[in-house]
């Protein structure tokens, strides 16, 4: 029996669309430091990939992914390079949310070279109940993939992403990780 979704907004909150962006050597991943706010209650350092919920203007998951990538990092992937974005598909992200994941390898170092990377910044802000404005990501950083997925590393820092990869079979990542 099909489950009927009565509240489309509630469904959208339970689904995020995200993208993993790696550098030319496929050794580092672009992540943003999530700004601690009363809304997310992060007391510790928490990094995450660019991701977010579908909005009314998004025509499909890829358009949502590209919008979130721009909002959270300022990165705009050229039309001729969009064909290199790979669909990974649905992954369980945490207890109450699923993630539709894309992957982009910046093979030509076009987007993550030093000059381009230094121009990236989060455009997306939200306003809390007191009217205070926050950037969603306070800064961006490239992290070595083996550090992100190292079980000995500070769990909270990459917890959401680690959970996604522990609970899903994502074979595309195996060659990227040093084991």
Foldseek 3Di string as FASTA:
>chain_A
DDDDDPDVVVVQQQEKEFEWEAEQVLFWTKWFFFDADPVVNDPDTAIDTQMGGDDPPQPDSLSRHQVSCCQAWVDHDDPVQSVQKAWQAWFCQDDRHIYGYIYHYHNVRPQPDPVNNVPIHHNDWDADPVRDIDGRGPHMDIGGPQQLQPPVHDCRHNVRVNVRPVRDPRPVCVVSYDD
